[in-house]
Amino acid sequence: MARRKSRRKYSRSASRDVEKAMRKRKHGKLRSGKGGKGGRVKSRKQTIAIGLSEARKKGKKVPRKRTSRKRK
C-alpha cells in the first residue's frame, strides 16, 4: 500500500516567524497588544499565537483562527 505524502499545515516561513517571536520572548522584548503597547509576554502559548498571527498578516500559509460556534 502506497503511503500518501502529507502536506504541511504551516509554511516553513510561518514557523520561522514563530521562532522569532520565541526568541524575542526569551530576551524579554515581546509585548502583547496593538503596536506592542501591552504588557510583557511570559506565556509560551501566547508567544506562539502572536507569531502565528504575524505570519497570517504577512499572508503566509497558516490555518484560519478557530472561532466558537453559536449554539441554538
Protein backbone atom coordinates (compact mmCIF):
# COMPACT_ATOMS: atom_id res chain seq x y z
CA MET A 1 0.00 0.00 0.00
CA ALA A 2 1.40 3.38 -1.04
CA ARG A 3 1.79 5.99 1.68
CA ARG A 4 0.16 9.33 0.98
CA LYS A 5 2.52 12.27 1.08
CA SER A 6 1.46 14.59 3.90
CA ARG A 7 1.06 18.29 3.25
CA ARG A 8 2.30 20.95 5.60
CA LYS A 9 -0.32 22.74 7.68
CA TYR A 10 2.02 25.68 8.33
CA SER A 11 4.62 27.00 5.88
CA ARG A 12 8.31 26.97 6.80
CA SER A 13 8.40 30.76 6.80
CA ALA A 14 5.44 30.82 9.22
CA SER A 15 7.35 28.61 11.64
CA ARG A 16 10.32 30.96 11.31
CA ASP A 17 8.05 33.83 12.38
CA VAL A 18 7.06 31.82 15.47
CA GLU A 19 10.75 31.13 16.13
CA LYS A 20 11.50 34.86 16.00
CA ALA A 21 8.67 35.56 18.46
CA MET A 22 10.04 32.87 20.81
CA ARG A 23 13.48 34.43 20.70
CA LYS A 24 12.03 37.88 21.40
CA ARG A 25 10.16 36.49 24.41
CA LYS A 26 13.30 34.81 25.71
CA HIS A 27 15.11 38.15 25.66
CA GLY A 28 12.12 39.88 27.30
CA LYS A 29 11.34 42.07 24.27
CA LEU A 30 7.99 40.57 23.22
CA ARG A 31 4.96 42.63 24.18
CA SER A 32 1.26 41.99 23.64
CA GLY A 33 -1.41 44.29 22.27
CA LYS A 34 -1.63 46.55 19.26
CA GLY A 35 1.73 48.11 18.45
CA GLY A 36 3.35 46.34 21.41
CA LYS A 37 1.75 48.72 23.88
CA GLY A 38 0.53 45.98 26.23
CA GLY A 39 2.35 44.07 28.92
CA ARG A 40 5.37 41.80 28.56
CA VAL A 41 4.54 38.29 27.32
CA LYS A 42 5.55 35.45 29.62
CA SER A 43 3.36 32.61 28.35
CA ARG A 44 4.72 30.20 25.71
CA LYS A 45 1.24 29.66 24.24
CA GLN A 46 0.67 33.39 23.87
CA THR A 47 4.05 33.71 22.15
CA ILE A 48 3.10 31.06 19.59
CA ALA A 49 -0.26 32.79 18.99
CA ILE A 50 1.49 36.14 18.39
CA GLY A 51 3.97 34.53 15.96
CA LEU A 52 1.18 32.84 14.01
CA SER A 53 -0.96 35.97 13.80
CA GLU A 54 2.03 37.94 12.48
CA ALA A 55 2.59 35.23 9.85
CA ARG A 56 -1.12 35.39 8.97
CA LYS A 57 -0.89 39.16 8.48
CA LYS A 58 2.05 38.67 6.09
CA GLY A 59 -0.11 36.26 4.06
CA LYS A 60 1.82 33.07 4.84
CA LYS A 61 0.29 29.61 4.88
CA VAL A 62 -1.33 29.35 8.32
CA PRO A 63 -4.72 27.75 9.04
CA ARG A 64 -7.58 30.08 9.92
CA LYS A 65 -8.13 31.08 13.52
CA ARG A 66 -10.70 28.89 15.27
CA THR A 67 -13.95 30.62 16.09
CA SER A 68 -16.51 29.46 18.61
CA ARG A 69 -19.73 28.09 17.21
CA LYS A 70 -23.04 29.60 18.18
CA ARG A 71 -25.40 27.26 19.99
CA LYS A 72 -29.07 27.07 19.07
